[in-house]
Amino acid sequence: MEEAGSESADAAELQRLVAVEEQRARFTSQIHNFMEVCWDKCVDKPGSKLDSRTEACLANCVNRFVDTTLSITNRFAQIVQKGGH
């Protein structure tokens, strides 16, 4: 009987690890998307270094994505909390 419990615990741990890896993959994909969008929006001519306008544009672009993502995440959390009560 102990063996079945151990297998169940192993399966649960494996499922947790897979979920963590899926979350990491989604996060990495989102970062690549941010980089692509912001690069296309802000970088006119790639060079050996970024000028101050390009740096500011990239920073603002990424900050807007982060703010939007946090806002959406918070809104979904509110919806879930209201639905749970």
N, C-alpha and C. Protein backbone atom coordinates (compact mmCIF):
# COMPACT_ATOMS: atom_id res chain seq x y z
N MET A 1 0.82 -1.19 0.00
CA MET A 1 0.00 0.00 0.00
C MET A 1 0.87 1.26 0.00
N GLU A 2 1.99 1.24 0.71
CA GLU A 2 2.86 2.41 0.76
C GLU A 2 3.37 2.76 -0.62
N GLU A 3 3.59 1.74 -1.45
CA GLU A 3 4.12 1.96 -2.78
C GLU A 3 3.13 2.78 -3.62
N ALA A 4 1.85 2.52 -3.50
CA ALA A 4 0.84 3.27 -4.24
C ALA A 4 0.82 4.73 -3.81
N GLY A 5 0.97 4.98 -2.53
CA GLY A 5 1.03 6.35 -2.03
C GLY A 5 2.25 7.08 -2.54
N SER A 6 3.36 6.37 -2.62
CA SER A 6 4.60 6.95 -3.13
C SER A 6 4.46 7.30 -4.61
N GLU A 7 3.83 6.40 -5.38
CA GLU A 7 3.60 6.65 -6.80
C GLU A 7 2.69 7.86 -7.00
N SER A 8 1.68 7.98 -6.16
CA SER A 8 0.77 9.11 -6.23
C SER A 8 1.50 10.42 -5.93
N ALA A 9 2.36 10.40 -4.91
CA ALA A 9 3.14 11.58 -4.56
C ALA A 9 4.10 11.93 -5.69
N ASP A 10 4.72 10.92 -6.30
CA ASP A 10 5.62 11.15 -7.41
C ASP A 10 4.88 11.76 -8.60
N ALA A 11 3.68 11.25 -8.87
CA ALA A 11 2.88 11.77 -9.97
C ALA A 11 2.46 13.22 -9.71
N ALA A 12 2.11 13.53 -8.48
CA ALA A 12 1.73 14.90 -8.12
C ALA A 12 2.93 15.84 -8.27
N GLU A 13 4.09 15.39 -7.86
CA GLU A 13 5.31 16.20 -7.97
C GLU A 13 5.67 16.42 -9.44
N LEU A 14 5.54 15.38 -10.24
CA LEU A 14 5.80 15.49 -11.67
C LEU A 14 4.83 16.48 -12.31
N GLN A 15 3.57 16.40 -11.93
CA GLN A 15 2.56 17.31 -12.46
C GLN A 15 2.88 18.75 -12.06
N ARG A 16 3.34 18.95 -10.85
CA ARG A 16 3.72 20.29 -10.39
C ARG A 16 4.91 20.81 -11.19
N LEU A 17 5.91 19.96 -11.41
CA LEU A 17 7.09 20.37 -12.17
C LEU A 17 6.72 20.72 -13.62
N VAL A 18 5.84 19.94 -14.21
CA VAL A 18 5.39 20.22 -15.57
C VAL A 18 4.67 21.56 -15.62
N ALA A 19 3.83 21.83 -14.64
CA ALA A 19 3.10 23.11 -14.59
C ALA A 19 4.08 24.27 -14.45
N VAL A 20 5.11 24.11 -13.64
CA VAL A 20 6.12 25.16 -13.47
C VAL A 20 6.85 25.41 -14.79
N GLU A 21 7.21 24.33 -15.48
CA GLU A 21 7.91 24.47 -16.75
C GLU A 21 7.01 25.11 -17.81
N GLU A 22 5.72 24.76 -17.82
CA GLU A 22 4.79 25.38 -18.76
C GLU A 22 4.67 26.87 -18.48
N GLN A 23 4.61 27.24 -17.21
CA GLN A 23 4.53 28.65 -16.84
C GLN A 23 5.81 29.38 -17.26
N ARG A 24 6.94 28.75 -17.06
CA ARG A 24 8.22 29.35 -17.47
C ARG A 24 8.25 29.54 -18.98
N ALA A 25 7.77 28.55 -19.73
CA ALA A 25 7.75 28.66 -21.19
C ALA A 25 6.83 29.79 -21.64
N ARG A 26 5.66 29.94 -21.00
CA ARG A 26 4.74 31.04 -21.34
C ARG A 26 5.40 32.39 -21.05
N PHE A 27 6.07 32.49 -19.92
CA PHE A 27 6.74 33.73 -19.54
C PHE A 27 7.84 34.07 -20.56
N THR A 28 8.65 33.08 -20.92
CA THR A 28 9.71 33.30 -21.89
C THR A 28 9.14 33.72 -23.24
N SER A 29 8.07 33.08 -23.65
CA SER A 29 7.41 33.45 -24.91
C SER A 29 6.90 34.88 -24.87
N GLN A 30 6.32 35.27 -23.74
CA GLN A 30 5.81 36.63 -23.58
C GLN A 30 6.95 37.64 -23.65
N ILE A 31 8.07 37.34 -23.02
CA ILE A 31 9.23 38.23 -23.06
C ILE A 31 9.73 38.39 -24.49
N HIS A 32 9.80 37.28 -25.23
CA HIS A 32 10.24 37.37 -26.63
C HIS A 32 9.27 38.22 -27.45
N ASN A 33 7.99 38.08 -27.17
CA ASN A 33 6.99 38.89 -27.87
C ASN A 33 7.19 40.37 -27.55
N PHE A 34 7.39 40.70 -26.26
CA PHE A 34 7.66 42.09 -25.86
C PHE A 34 8.86 42.64 -26.61
N MET A 35 9.93 41.84 -26.64
CA MET A 35 11.15 42.29 -27.29
C MET A 35 10.92 42.57 -28.77
N GLU A 36 10.20 41.70 -29.43
CA GLU A 36 9.92 41.87 -30.86
C GLU A 36 9.11 43.13 -31.13
N VAL A 37 8.02 43.28 -30.39
CA VAL A 37 7.14 44.44 -30.58
C VAL A 37 7.89 45.73 -30.29
N CYS A 38 8.59 45.77 -29.18
CA CYS A 38 9.30 46.99 -28.79
C CYS A 38 10.46 47.28 -29.74
N TRP A 39 11.14 46.25 -30.19
CA TRP A 39 12.23 46.45 -31.15
C TRP A 39 11.68 47.07 -32.43
N ASP A 40 10.60 46.47 -32.96
CA ASP A 40 10.01 46.99 -34.20
C ASP A 40 9.52 48.43 -34.03
N LYS A 41 9.00 48.74 -32.85
CA LYS A 41 8.47 50.08 -32.59
C LYS A 41 9.57 51.11 -32.39
N CYS A 42 10.65 50.73 -31.74
CA CYS A 42 11.62 51.73 -31.25
C CYS A 42 12.94 51.80 -32.01
N VAL A 43 13.38 50.73 -32.61
CA VAL A 43 14.73 50.71 -33.19
C VAL A 43 14.63 50.95 -34.70
N ASP A 44 15.12 52.13 -35.10
CA ASP A 44 15.11 52.47 -36.53
C ASP A 44 16.29 51.82 -37.25
N LYS A 45 17.48 52.08 -36.73
CA LYS A 45 18.70 51.56 -37.34
C LYS A 45 19.56 50.94 -36.24
N PRO A 46 19.71 49.61 -36.26
CA PRO A 46 20.57 48.98 -35.26
C PRO A 46 22.00 49.48 -35.40
N GLY A 47 22.63 49.74 -34.29
CA GLY A 47 24.01 50.19 -34.30
C GLY A 47 24.77 49.54 -33.16
N SER A 48 25.96 50.04 -32.90
CA SER A 48 26.78 49.45 -31.84
C SER A 48 26.26 49.82 -30.45
N LYS A 49 25.49 50.92 -30.35
CA LYS A 49 24.87 51.28 -29.07
C LYS A 49 23.56 52.04 -29.33
N LEU A 50 22.73 52.10 -28.31
CA LEU A 50 21.43 52.75 -28.44
C LEU A 50 21.54 54.22 -28.09
N ASP A 51 20.84 55.06 -28.87
CA ASP A 51 20.81 56.47 -28.49
C ASP A 51 19.76 56.65 -27.38
N SER A 52 19.75 57.83 -26.77
CA SER A 52 18.87 58.05 -25.62
C SER A 52 17.40 57.97 -26.00
N ARG A 53 17.03 58.40 -27.20
CA ARG A 53 15.64 58.32 -27.64
C ARG A 53 15.19 56.86 -27.75
N THR A 54 16.05 56.04 -28.33
CA THR A 54 15.73 54.61 -28.49
C THR A 54 15.65 53.93 -27.13
N GLU A 55 16.58 54.24 -26.25
CA GLU A 55 16.55 53.67 -24.89
C GLU A 55 15.26 54.03 -24.18
N ALA A 56 14.89 55.30 -24.26
CA ALA A 56 13.66 55.75 -23.59
C ALA A 56 12.44 55.07 -24.20
N CYS A 57 12.41 54.95 -25.52
CA CYS A 57 11.29 54.29 -26.19
C CYS A 57 11.18 52.83 -25.74
N LEU A 58 12.30 52.11 -25.72
CA LEU A 58 12.30 50.71 -25.30
C LEU A 58 11.83 50.57 -23.85
N ALA A 59 12.33 51.43 -22.98
CA ALA A 59 11.93 51.38 -21.57
C ALA A 59 10.44 51.64 -21.42
N ASN A 60 9.94 52.66 -22.10
CA ASN A 60 8.51 52.97 -22.02
C ASN A 60 7.66 51.84 -22.60
N CYS A 61 8.10 51.28 -23.70
CA CYS A 61 7.36 50.18 -24.34
C CYS A 61 7.24 48.99 -23.40
N VAL A 62 8.36 48.58 -22.82
CA VAL A 62 8.35 47.43 -21.92
C VAL A 62 7.53 47.74 -20.67
N ASN A 63 7.67 48.95 -20.14
CA ASN A 63 6.90 49.33 -18.96
C ASN A 63 5.40 49.29 -19.23
N ARG A 64 4.98 49.71 -20.41
CA ARG A 64 3.54 49.65 -20.75
C ARG A 64 3.07 48.20 -20.78
N PHE A 65 3.88 47.30 -21.36
CA PHE A 65 3.51 45.89 -21.39
C PHE A 65 3.40 45.33 -19.98
N VAL A 66 4.36 45.67 -19.12
CA VAL A 66 4.35 45.16 -17.75
C VAL A 66 3.13 45.70 -17.01
N ASP A 67 2.88 47.00 -17.13
CA ASP A 67 1.72 47.60 -16.46
C ASP A 67 0.42 46.96 -16.94
N THR A 68 0.31 46.76 -18.24
CA THR A 68 -0.90 46.16 -18.81
C THR A 68 -1.07 44.73 -18.31
N THR A 69 0.01 43.97 -18.31
CA THR A 69 -0.04 42.58 -17.85
C THR A 69 -0.46 42.52 -16.39
N LEU A 70 0.11 43.39 -15.56
CA LEU A 70 -0.26 43.41 -14.14
C LEU A 70 -1.72 43.81 -13.96
N SER A 71 -2.17 44.79 -14.73
CA SER A 71 -3.56 45.23 -14.65
C SER A 71 -4.52 44.10 -15.02
N ILE A 72 -4.22 43.42 -16.10
CA ILE A 72 -5.07 42.30 -16.55
C ILE A 72 -5.05 41.18 -15.51
N THR A 73 -3.86 40.86 -15.00
CA THR A 73 -3.74 39.81 -13.99
C THR A 73 -4.55 40.15 -12.75
N ASN A 74 -4.44 41.40 -12.29
CA ASN A 74 -5.21 41.82 -11.12
C ASN A 74 -6.72 41.76 -11.38
N ARG A 75 -7.12 42.15 -12.58
CA ARG A 75 -8.54 42.12 -12.92
C ARG A 75 -9.07 40.68 -12.91
N PHE A 76 -8.30 39.75 -13.49
CA PHE A 76 -8.72 38.35 -13.48
C PHE A 76 -8.78 37.82 -12.05
N ALA A 77 -7.84 38.22 -11.21
CA ALA A 77 -7.85 37.79 -9.81
C ALA A 77 -9.10 38.29 -9.11
N GLN A 78 -9.51 39.53 -9.39
CA GLN A 78 -10.74 40.08 -8.80
C GLN A 78 -11.96 39.29 -9.27
N ILE A 79 -11.99 38.96 -10.54
CA ILE A 79 -13.12 38.20 -11.10
C ILE A 79 -13.21 36.83 -10.44
N VAL A 80 -12.06 36.18 -10.30
CA VAL A 80 -12.02 34.85 -9.67
C VAL A 80 -12.47 34.92 -8.22
N GLN A 81 -12.01 35.95 -7.49
CA GLN A 81 -12.40 36.10 -6.10
C GLN A 81 -13.90 36.33 -5.97
N LYS A 82 -14.46 37.17 -6.83
CA LYS A 82 -15.90 37.43 -6.78
C LYS A 82 -16.70 36.20 -7.14
N GLY A 83 -16.20 35.43 -8.09
CA GLY A 83 -16.88 34.21 -8.51
C GLY A 83 -16.84 33.14 -7.45
N GLY A 84 -15.80 33.17 -6.61
CA GLY A 84 -15.64 32.15 -5.57
C GLY A 84 -16.48 32.41 -4.35
N HIS A 85 -17.03 33.63 -4.24
CA HIS A 85 -17.80 33.96 -3.03
C HIS A 85 -19.26 33.94 -3.30
